[in-house]
Amino acid sequence: MTDSRNLFNKVWDLHACQTLPSGQDQLFIGLHLIHEVTSPQAFAILRERNLKVAYPERTVATVDHIVPTQSTARPFVDLLAEEMMSAIEKNCRDFGIRLFDLVDNRQGVVHIVGPEQGLTLPGMTIACGDSHTSTHGAFGSIAFGIGTSQVADVLATQTLALARPKVRKVEVTGQLKPGVYAKDVILHIIRKLGVQGGVGYAYEYAGDVFDRMSMEERMTVCNMSIEGGARCGYINPDQTTVDYIQGRPFAPQGEEFERAAKWWLSLASGKDAQFDDVVVFKAEEIEPTVTWGITPAQSVGVKETLPTISSFPADDQKVISEAFQYMDLKEGQPIQGLKINVAFIGSCTNGRISDLREAARIVKGRHVAAGVKALVVPGSQLVRKQAMEEGLDKIFEEAGFEWRGAGCSMCLAMNPDKLQGNEVCASSSNRNFKGRQGSPTGRTLLMSPAMVAAAAVTGAVTDVRELE
């Protein structure tokens, strides 16, 4: 008999323990990832209630948000950062949890480390106290960002109480044009569906565009699902998924791997799978995309001019007007040519080796424009090591970029990497909210790493295709 369930509902059903009186399901969590910012309060709750961690082997910790990317000498200059670092070290010791700390070469941004180590596997339920946990959905898992009290719930019970969302199939078909990357695809989707468009939904990304993407590209797409309001986003596992996982440290090995791979592939949504909604986009209509406002949906193609306030529905015009005022931009203004002060390549969205390779390809033989501060922050120590083995660090440094250590860095500026005043930053990260990068008046333009590289060497938003 044909199974008409999509992957999301298959995985949910496999992990649902019971339906609670609230109507929510109690969902078993296969992998719990923690970091130094949202875990201290959760461990404090456990201590107050004299609780143990139910399955310490299913929780893995790393440090990323507050980690300085220039010097990691202890104690940190930032006393709060040092306090958080000390807390996670003690908590992991006390509760028997594996920690990738600064002296462990597996340390890095949590959503880069999980896949890199083979911890993230298809068919899993994954939770982490971080908004961008949806990254792991690239493997055909269902992965949820959760709050601090929920982190405590998972530590104590290995379960979460969740309402089952609906599932929307987001299909992108056709052929992407040269210079258009995975980041442009997800920014385009968010622009069209809005930051609230995914509320109440999980997104299944489907279509030949995603089928052709590498795992790192798929992670970029799934990473930003939350920015479109979705509870999570995922891509069905295929041979690309299996090939990426094989041989990774925590992945199954030998015959066990072969059995697992067969099962992983069986989870994919079949041709008869049912969805609550389906939207389709044409790849040929996607351009290199740049955000201009204060939400990830406020974006345009690099050759476009900024929209007029009156072109938006009346209910949206207040926030659009606010965005123009905060960003100090004008209706109808071209985005190309907008001057920048800072260029940032990194984050859990675009801090992987393929991102660094593509950016290095653009900057090779060029130099950062006068007056621009440019930094490259690998997403993990292993990404950094691989990049240096390939000579990418030298390409960036010769071009005038700062080559940093692994961490979240300027994505959210809970560390020394911050914008100053009203600087404009071309960023490969995921959020352009007011004050996101450390300055209450700083301005963020989201774009692909290649577009950030182009902006860095020209000093302004530039169509990367013009530098090819």
Protein backbone atom coordinates (compact mmCIF):
# COMPACT_ATOMS: atom_id res chain seq x y z
CA MET A 1 0.00 0.00 0.00
CA THR A 2 1.39 3.45 -0.96
CA ASP A 3 2.42 5.67 1.93
CA SER A 4 0.99 9.13 1.21
CA ARG A 5 2.77 10.73 4.15
CA ASN A 6 5.50 13.26 3.44
CA LEU A 7 8.89 12.89 5.15
CA PHE A 8 7.97 15.32 7.90
CA ASN A 9 4.96 13.31 9.01
CA LYS A 10 6.83 9.99 8.71
CA VAL A 11 9.58 11.23 11.02
CA TRP A 12 7.12 12.91 13.40
CA ASP A 13 5.06 9.71 13.70
CA LEU A 14 8.17 7.66 14.43
CA HIS A 15 9.09 9.95 17.33
CA ALA A 16 5.66 10.77 18.80
CA CYS A 17 5.41 9.19 22.28
CA GLN A 18 1.86 10.26 23.12
CA THR A 19 -0.70 13.00 22.61
CA LEU A 20 -0.87 15.27 25.64
CA PRO A 21 -4.06 16.77 27.17
CA SER A 22 -3.03 20.09 25.58
CA GLY A 23 -3.40 18.51 22.14
CA GLN A 24 0.37 18.69 21.59
CA ASP A 25 2.45 15.61 20.94
CA GLN A 26 5.27 14.52 23.19
CA LEU A 27 8.10 14.07 20.71
CA PHE A 28 11.26 12.10 21.42
CA ILE A 29 14.39 14.05 20.43
CA GLY A 30 17.14 11.98 18.84
CA LEU A 31 19.89 14.62 19.02
CA HIS A 32 20.15 17.61 21.32
CA LEU A 33 22.78 20.24 20.49
CA ILE A 34 23.67 22.88 23.08
CA HIS A 35 25.91 25.93 23.26
CA GLU A 36 27.05 28.40 25.88
CA VAL A 37 24.33 31.05 25.56
CA THR A 38 21.00 29.24 26.03
CA SER A 39 22.17 26.34 28.22
CA PRO A 40 23.24 27.88 31.59
CA GLN A 41 19.68 28.65 32.68
CA ALA A 42 18.53 25.18 31.61
CA PHE A 43 21.16 23.48 33.74
CA ALA A 44 20.22 25.76 36.63
CA ILE A 45 16.63 24.46 36.33
CA LEU A 46 17.92 20.87 36.53
CA ARG A 47 19.94 21.65 39.65
CA GLU A 48 17.00 23.42 41.32
CA ARG A 49 14.83 20.34 40.76
CA ASN A 50 17.60 17.82 41.49
CA LEU A 51 17.22 16.29 38.02
CA LYS A 52 19.75 14.39 35.91
CA VAL A 53 20.24 14.57 32.16
CA ALA A 54 18.12 11.67 30.91
CA TYR A 55 20.30 10.65 27.95
CA PRO A 56 23.64 12.48 28.15
CA GLU A 57 24.96 10.53 25.15
CA ARG A 58 22.26 12.20 22.99
CA THR A 59 23.41 15.73 23.88
CA VAL A 60 26.51 17.33 22.34
CA ALA A 61 27.85 20.77 23.25
CA THR A 62 30.04 23.27 21.47
CA VAL A 63 30.95 26.92 21.98
CA ASP A 64 30.39 29.54 19.30
CA HIS A 65 28.29 32.64 20.02
CA ILE A 66 30.59 34.44 22.47
CA VAL A 67 33.92 33.09 21.20
CA PRO A 68 36.40 35.84 20.23
CA THR A 69 37.74 35.24 16.72
CA GLN A 70 41.09 36.99 17.19
CA SER A 71 42.42 35.76 20.54
CA THR A 72 40.89 32.96 22.58
CA ALA A 73 43.26 33.46 25.51
CA ARG A 74 41.53 32.84 28.84
CA PRO A 75 40.11 34.51 30.75
CA PHE A 76 38.23 36.42 28.03
CA VAL A 77 38.30 40.21 28.22
CA ASP A 78 34.49 40.16 28.22
CA LEU A 79 33.63 38.94 31.72
CA LEU A 80 30.13 37.79 30.75
CA ALA A 81 31.59 35.72 27.90
CA GLU A 82 34.08 34.17 30.32
CA GLU A 83 31.26 33.40 32.74
CA MET A 84 29.27 31.64 30.01
CA MET A 85 32.31 29.68 28.87
CA SER A 86 33.12 28.56 32.41
CA ALA A 87 29.48 27.59 32.99
CA ILE A 88 29.24 25.28 29.97
CA GLU A 89 32.56 23.66 30.84
CA LYS A 90 31.36 22.95 34.39
CA ASN A 91 27.88 21.85 33.30
CA CYS A 92 29.22 19.39 30.76
CA ARG A 93 31.64 17.95 33.32
CA ASP A 94 28.97 17.67 36.00
CA PHE A 95 26.32 16.09 33.76
CA GLY A 96 28.57 13.90 31.59
CA ILE A 97 28.02 15.70 28.28
CA ARG A 98 30.48 15.70 25.38
CA LEU A 99 31.88 19.22 24.79
CA PHE A 100 33.79 20.48 21.77
CA ASP A 101 35.64 23.32 23.54
CA LEU A 102 38.27 25.73 22.27
CA VAL A 103 41.12 23.23 22.61
CA ASP A 104 39.18 20.63 20.62
CA ASN A 105 39.65 20.91 16.85
CA ARG A 106 35.99 19.89 16.40
CA GLN A 107 34.81 23.21 17.90
CA GLY A 108 32.80 25.58 15.75
CA VAL A 109 29.37 26.99 15.07
CA VAL A 110 26.85 24.44 16.31
CA HIS A 111 24.99 24.06 13.00
CA ILE A 112 28.24 23.49 11.12
CA VAL A 113 29.71 21.08 13.67
CA GLY A 114 26.69 18.72 13.79
CA PRO A 115 26.73 17.83 10.08
CA GLU A 116 30.53 17.96 9.87
CA GLN A 117 30.87 15.31 12.56
CA GLY A 118 28.13 13.03 11.24
CA LEU A 119 25.95 13.71 14.26
CA THR A 120 23.16 15.00 12.01
CA LEU A 121 21.46 12.12 10.22
CA PRO A 122 18.30 11.66 8.11
CA GLY A 123 15.14 10.67 9.95
CA MET A 124 16.24 12.27 13.21
CA THR A 125 14.45 14.72 15.41
CA ILE A 126 16.94 17.42 16.43
CA ALA A 127 16.61 20.30 18.87
CA CYS A 128 18.90 23.16 19.85
CA GLY A 129 18.45 26.41 21.74
CA ASP A 130 19.13 28.42 18.61
CA SER A 131 16.83 29.81 15.92
CA HIS A 132 18.75 28.37 12.99
CA THR A 133 18.51 24.72 14.02
CA SER A 134 16.45 24.21 10.85
CA THR A 135 19.85 23.96 9.08
CA HIS A 136 19.94 20.25 9.93
CA GLY A 137 16.78 19.66 7.89
CA ALA A 138 19.04 19.60 4.82
CA PHE A 139 19.65 15.95 5.72
CA GLY A 140 16.01 14.93 5.88
CA SER A 141 15.76 15.38 9.62
CA ILE A 142 13.20 17.59 11.37
CA ALA A 143 15.06 20.11 13.46
CA PHE A 144 13.63 22.69 15.83
CA GLY A 145 15.03 25.81 17.42
CA ILE A 146 13.82 25.95 21.03
CA GLY A 147 13.83 28.27 24.03
CA THR A 148 15.78 27.92 27.27
CA SER A 149 12.98 26.26 29.26
CA GLN A 150 12.59 23.74 26.43
CA VAL A 151 16.34 23.07 26.54
CA ALA A 152 15.77 22.06 30.18
CA ASP A 153 12.85 19.84 29.09
CA VAL A 154 15.03 17.98 26.59
CA LEU A 155 17.90 17.61 29.03
CA ALA A 156 15.58 16.18 31.69
CA THR A 157 13.27 14.02 29.54
CA GLN A 158 14.74 13.83 26.00
CA THR A 159 11.31 14.96 24.78
CA LEU A 160 9.49 18.11 23.70
CA ALA A 161 5.81 19.04 23.76
CA LEU A 162 5.03 20.34 20.27
CA ALA A 163 2.01 20.98 18.09
CA ARG A 164 2.31 19.29 14.70
CA PRO A 165 2.64 21.97 12.01
CA LYS A 166 1.18 21.75 8.53
CA VAL A 167 3.59 21.01 5.69
CA ARG A 168 4.10 23.24 2.68
CA LYS A 169 6.01 22.02 -0.36
CA VAL A 170 8.22 24.80 -1.72
CA GLU A 171 9.29 23.78 -5.20
CA VAL A 172 11.96 25.51 -7.28
CA THR A 173 12.26 24.23 -10.83
CA GLY A 174 14.48 25.03 -13.77
CA GLN A 175 18.09 26.18 -14.00
CA LEU A 176 19.71 28.87 -11.86
CA LYS A 177 21.58 31.51 -13.81
CA PRO A 178 25.33 31.98 -13.32
CA GLY A 179 26.11 34.06 -10.23
CA VAL A 180 22.94 32.91 -8.45
CA TYR A 181 23.58 30.88 -5.32
CA ALA A 182 21.65 28.96 -2.67
CA LYS A 183 21.54 32.13 -0.55
CA ASP A 184 19.78 33.95 -3.39
CA VAL A 185 17.25 31.12 -3.67
CA ILE A 186 16.20 31.28 -0.03
CA LEU A 187 16.19 35.10 0.06
CA HIS A 188 13.92 35.03 -3.02
CA ILE A 189 11.55 32.55 -1.36
CA ILE A 190 11.37 34.68 1.80
CA ARG A 191 10.82 37.82 -0.26
CA LYS A 192 7.90 36.24 -2.07
CA LEU A 193 6.25 34.44 0.87
CA GLY A 194 7.11 36.97 3.59
CA VAL A 195 8.55 36.66 7.08
CA GLN A 196 5.16 35.47 8.37
CA GLY A 197 4.34 33.30 5.36
CA GLY A 198 5.57 30.10 6.96
CA VAL A 199 3.92 30.49 10.35
CA GLY A 200 2.27 27.19 11.27
CA TYR A 201 4.17 25.29 8.58
CA ALA A 202 7.18 23.09 8.06
CA TYR A 203 8.72 23.65 4.61
CA GLU A 204 9.71 20.79 2.32
CA TYR A 205 12.10 22.19 -0.29
CA ALA A 206 11.70 20.20 -3.50
CA GLY A 207 12.36 20.42 -7.23
CA ASP A 208 15.36 19.92 -9.47
CA VAL A 209 17.17 23.03 -8.19
CA PHE A 210 17.47 21.50 -4.71
CA ASP A 211 18.15 18.05 -6.18
CA ARG A 212 21.26 19.46 -7.87
CA MET A 213 22.53 21.32 -4.80
CA SER A 214 25.41 20.11 -2.68
CA MET A 215 24.76 19.39 0.99
CA GLU A 216 26.38 22.69 1.96
CA GLU A 217 24.06 24.59 -0.38
CA ARG A 218 21.06 22.71 1.03
CA MET A 219 22.14 23.69 4.56
CA THR A 220 22.18 27.36 3.54
CA VAL A 221 18.58 27.07 2.31
CA CYS A 222 17.24 25.19 5.32
CA ASN A 223 19.13 27.48 7.70
CA MET A 224 16.95 30.46 6.83
CA SER A 225 13.57 28.67 7.02
CA ILE A 226 12.89 30.38 10.35
CA GLU A 227 13.38 33.79 8.69
CA GLY A 228 10.35 32.97 6.55
CA GLY A 229 8.31 32.08 9.63
CA ALA A 230 8.48 28.30 9.14
CA ARG A 231 8.86 26.02 12.17
CA CYS A 232 11.50 24.08 10.28
CA GLY A 233 12.58 23.26 6.75
CA TYR A 234 13.94 20.10 5.18
CA ILE A 235 15.07 18.43 1.96
CA ASN A 236 14.49 14.77 1.20
CA PRO A 237 17.58 12.57 1.58
CA ASP A 238 19.12 11.22 -1.63
CA GLN A 239 22.46 9.85 -2.79
CA THR A 240 24.07 13.27 -2.28
CA THR A 241 23.04 13.05 1.38
CA VAL A 242 24.34 9.51 1.79
CA ASP A 243 27.68 10.32 0.16
CA TYR A 244 28.20 13.35 2.43
CA ILE A 245 27.56 11.36 5.62
CA GLN A 246 29.66 8.29 4.78
CA GLY A 247 32.87 8.10 6.77
CA ARG A 248 32.11 10.95 9.15
CA PRO A 249 33.18 10.32 12.77
CA PHE A 250 29.78 9.80 14.41
CA ALA A 251 28.00 8.28 11.40
CA PRO A 252 27.25 4.54 11.24
CA GLN A 253 30.08 2.47 9.75
CA GLY A 254 30.35 -0.63 7.57
CA GLU A 255 27.27 -2.84 7.22
CA GLU A 256 25.42 -0.65 9.70
CA PHE A 257 25.92 2.31 7.36
CA GLU A 258 24.57 0.36 4.38
CA ARG A 259 21.43 -0.59 6.33
CA ALA A 260 21.01 2.98 7.58
CA ALA A 261 21.42 4.47 4.10
CA LYS A 262 18.71 2.21 2.71
CA TRP A 263 16.35 3.31 5.48
CA TRP A 264 17.24 7.00 5.08
CA LEU A 265 16.34 6.91 1.40
CA SER A 266 13.04 5.21 2.17
CA LEU A 267 11.95 8.21 4.27
CA ALA A 268 11.77 10.60 1.30
CA SER A 269 8.34 11.91 0.38
CA GLY A 270 6.97 9.77 -2.44
CA LYS A 271 5.26 10.96 -5.58
CA ASP A 272 1.88 10.44 -3.88
CA ALA A 273 2.84 12.35 -0.72
CA GLN A 274 0.21 14.77 0.54
CA PHE A 275 0.89 18.42 1.46
CA ASP A 276 -1.22 21.14 3.02
CA ASP A 277 0.03 23.69 0.49
CA VAL A 278 2.30 23.81 -2.55
CA VAL A 279 4.10 26.83 -4.00
CA VAL A 280 6.30 26.78 -7.11
CA PHE A 281 9.06 29.16 -8.16
CA LYS A 282 10.97 29.33 -11.44
CA ALA A 283 14.74 29.27 -10.99
CA GLU A 284 15.27 31.52 -14.02
CA GLU A 285 13.46 34.36 -12.25
CA ILE A 286 15.94 34.43 -9.33
CA GLU A 287 18.67 37.09 -9.41
CA PRO A 288 21.61 37.77 -7.09
CA THR A 289 19.64 39.15 -4.14
CA VAL A 290 20.40 41.80 -1.53
CA THR A 291 18.33 42.82 1.47
CA TRP A 292 17.80 46.56 1.81
CA GLY A 293 15.61 46.79 4.93
CA ILE A 294 15.22 45.45 8.46
CA THR A 295 13.71 42.01 7.75
CA PRO A 296 15.06 39.27 5.47
CA ALA A 297 11.96 39.63 3.27
CA GLN A 298 12.88 43.21 2.38
CA SER A 299 15.15 42.41 -0.54
CA VAL A 300 15.61 43.08 -4.25
CA GLY A 301 17.59 41.67 -7.13
CA VAL A 302 20.91 43.47 -7.50
CA LYS A 303 19.79 45.15 -10.75
CA GLU A 304 16.51 46.36 -9.27
CA THR A 305 15.65 49.67 -7.66
CA LEU A 306 14.17 49.83 -4.18
CA PRO A 307 10.37 49.55 -4.04
CA THR A 308 7.94 52.36 -3.30
CA ILE A 309 6.10 52.34 0.00
CA SER A 310 2.77 52.59 -1.81
CA SER A 311 3.46 49.32 -3.66
CA PHE A 312 2.96 47.39 -0.40
CA PRO A 313 -0.36 46.49 1.24
CA ALA A 314 -1.58 49.16 3.65
CA ASP A 315 -0.90 46.95 6.69
CA ASP A 316 2.78 46.62 5.70
CA GLN A 317 3.49 50.25 4.86
CA LYS A 318 4.40 51.30 8.41
CA VAL A 319 7.25 48.78 8.71
CA ILE A 320 8.40 49.53 5.15
CA SER A 321 8.55 53.23 5.97
CA GLU A 322 10.42 52.41 9.17
CA ALA A 323 12.93 50.36 7.16
CA PHE A 324 13.63 53.20 4.73
CA GLN A 325 14.14 55.60 7.62
CA TYR A 326 16.43 53.29 9.61
CA MET A 327 18.52 52.30 6.58
CA ASP A 328 18.65 55.92 5.34
CA LEU A 329 17.53 54.87 1.87
CA LYS A 330 15.04 56.29 -0.62
CA GLU A 331 12.24 54.78 -2.65
CA GLY A 332 13.32 53.98 -6.22
CA GLN A 333 17.02 54.11 -5.33
CA PRO A 334 19.25 51.50 -7.04
CA ILE A 335 20.70 48.93 -4.63
CA GLN A 336 23.75 48.48 -6.83
CA GLY A 337 26.38 51.07 -5.98
CA LEU A 338 25.29 51.45 -2.34
CA LYS A 339 28.50 52.09 -0.39
CA ILE A 340 29.56 49.70 2.36
CA ASN A 341 31.93 50.05 5.33
CA VAL A 342 32.28 46.42 6.41
CA ALA A 343 32.22 43.03 4.66
CA PHE A 344 31.58 39.86 6.69
CA ILE A 345 31.88 36.32 5.33
CA GLY A 346 30.91 33.62 7.82
CA SER A 347 28.02 32.38 10.04
CA CYS A 348 26.01 29.15 10.23
CA THR A 349 24.41 30.19 6.94
CA ASN A 350 27.56 30.67 4.88
CA GLY A 351 30.69 29.78 6.83
CA ARG A 352 31.45 26.44 5.15
CA ILE A 353 34.37 25.50 2.92
CA SER A 354 32.40 25.87 -0.33
CA ASP A 355 31.39 29.40 0.72
CA LEU A 356 35.00 30.35 1.40
CA ARG A 357 36.18 28.83 -1.88
CA GLU A 358 33.65 30.81 -3.88
CA ALA A 359 34.46 34.08 -2.10
CA ALA A 360 38.20 33.47 -2.55
CA ARG A 361 37.65 32.91 -6.27
CA ILE A 362 36.10 36.38 -6.52
CA VAL A 363 38.76 38.22 -4.49
CA LYS A 364 41.82 36.50 -5.94
CA GLY A 365 44.03 39.08 -7.64
CA ARG A 366 41.94 41.95 -6.26
CA HIS A 367 42.12 44.04 -3.09
CA VAL A 368 39.64 45.23 -0.50
CA ALA A 369 38.48 48.76 -1.35
CA ALA A 370 39.90 51.69 0.62
CA GLY A 371 37.93 52.37 3.79
CA VAL A 372 36.35 48.91 3.94
CA LYS A 373 36.99 46.51 6.82
CA ALA A 374 36.65 42.93 5.56
CA LEU A 375 36.77 39.75 7.62
CA VAL A 376 36.44 36.04 6.91
CA VAL A 377 35.36 33.82 9.81
CA PRO A 378 35.34 30.06 9.11
CA GLY A 379 32.41 28.22 10.65
CA SER A 380 34.53 25.64 12.45
CA GLN A 381 38.12 24.84 13.27
CA LEU A 382 38.04 22.04 10.70
CA VAL A 383 36.73 24.38 7.99
CA ARG A 384 39.52 26.80 8.90
CA LYS A 385 42.15 24.04 8.71
CA GLN A 386 40.88 22.83 5.33
CA ALA A 387 40.80 26.37 3.95
CA MET A 388 44.38 26.96 5.05
CA GLU A 389 45.49 23.67 3.49
CA GLU A 390 43.98 24.94 0.22
CA GLY A 391 45.70 28.32 0.58
CA LEU A 392 42.46 30.28 0.86
CA ASP A 393 43.73 32.17 3.91
CA LYS A 394 46.61 33.54 1.84
CA ILE A 395 44.26 34.64 -0.95
CA PHE A 396 42.09 36.51 1.54
CA GLU A 397 44.98 38.07 3.44
CA GLU A 398 46.74 39.20 0.25
CA ALA A 399 43.46 40.83 -0.77
CA GLY A 400 43.30 42.75 2.52
CA PHE A 401 40.80 40.59 4.43
CA GLU A 402 41.26 39.71 8.08
CA TRP A 403 41.50 35.93 8.51
CA ARG A 404 39.90 34.94 11.82
CA GLY A 405 39.29 31.94 14.08
CA ALA A 406 36.07 29.91 14.13
CA GLY A 407 32.89 31.31 15.70
CA CYS A 408 29.62 33.13 15.14
CA SER A 409 31.44 36.46 15.00
CA MET A 410 29.61 39.40 13.46
CA CYS A 411 26.42 37.51 12.69
CA LEU A 412 25.02 38.54 16.06
CA ALA A 413 27.90 40.35 17.80
CA MET A 414 27.76 38.65 21.21
CA ASN A 415 31.55 38.81 20.91
CA PRO A 416 34.10 41.53 20.09
CA ASP A 417 33.18 41.61 16.36
CA LYS A 418 30.68 44.48 16.11
CA LEU A 419 29.65 47.26 13.77
CA GLN A 420 30.42 50.80 14.89
CA GLY A 421 27.88 53.62 14.62
CA ASN A 422 25.80 53.53 11.45
CA GLU A 423 28.22 51.44 9.41
CA VAL A 424 26.80 49.49 6.48
CA CYS A 425 27.80 45.82 6.40
CA ALA A 426 27.61 43.47 3.44
CA SER A 427 27.03 40.20 5.29
CA SER A 428 26.66 36.52 4.43
CA SER A 429 24.71 35.94 7.66
CA ASN A 430 20.96 35.47 8.15
CA ARG A 431 19.42 38.43 9.99
CA ASN A 432 19.33 42.15 9.22
CA PHE A 433 17.29 43.29 12.22
CA LYS A 434 18.00 46.65 13.82
CA GLY A 435 21.14 46.42 15.94
CA ARG A 436 21.74 42.76 15.02
CA GLN A 437 25.46 43.23 14.38
CA GLY A 438 26.27 45.03 17.60
CA SER A 439 25.56 48.70 16.92
CA PRO A 440 22.05 50.06 17.59
CA THR A 441 22.35 52.08 14.38
CA GLY A 442 24.36 49.58 12.30
CA ARG A 443 22.90 48.57 8.94
CA THR A 444 23.05 45.05 7.48
CA LEU A 445 22.73 43.98 3.84
CA LEU A 446 22.33 40.21 3.51
CA MET A 447 23.72 38.52 0.39
CA SER A 448 25.68 35.49 -0.79
CA PRO A 449 29.38 35.12 0.13
CA ALA A 450 30.32 35.79 -3.49
CA MET A 451 28.31 39.03 -3.44
CA VAL A 452 29.96 40.02 -0.14
CA ALA A 453 33.35 39.41 -1.75
CA ALA A 454 32.36 41.58 -4.72
CA ALA A 455 31.19 44.37 -2.40
CA ALA A 456 34.40 44.16 -0.38
CA VAL A 457 36.69 44.71 -3.36
CA THR A 458 34.56 47.41 -4.99
CA GLY A 459 33.46 49.21 -1.82
CA ALA A 460 29.80 49.03 -2.81
CA VAL A 461 26.99 46.59 -3.60
CA THR A 462 28.06 45.07 -6.92
CA ASP A 463 26.65 42.45 -9.25
CA VAL A 464 29.16 39.63 -8.79
CA ARG A 465 28.58 38.60 -12.40
CA GLU A 466 30.37 41.77 -13.49
CA LEU A 467 33.56 40.53 -11.82
CA GLU A 468 33.49 37.09 -13.42
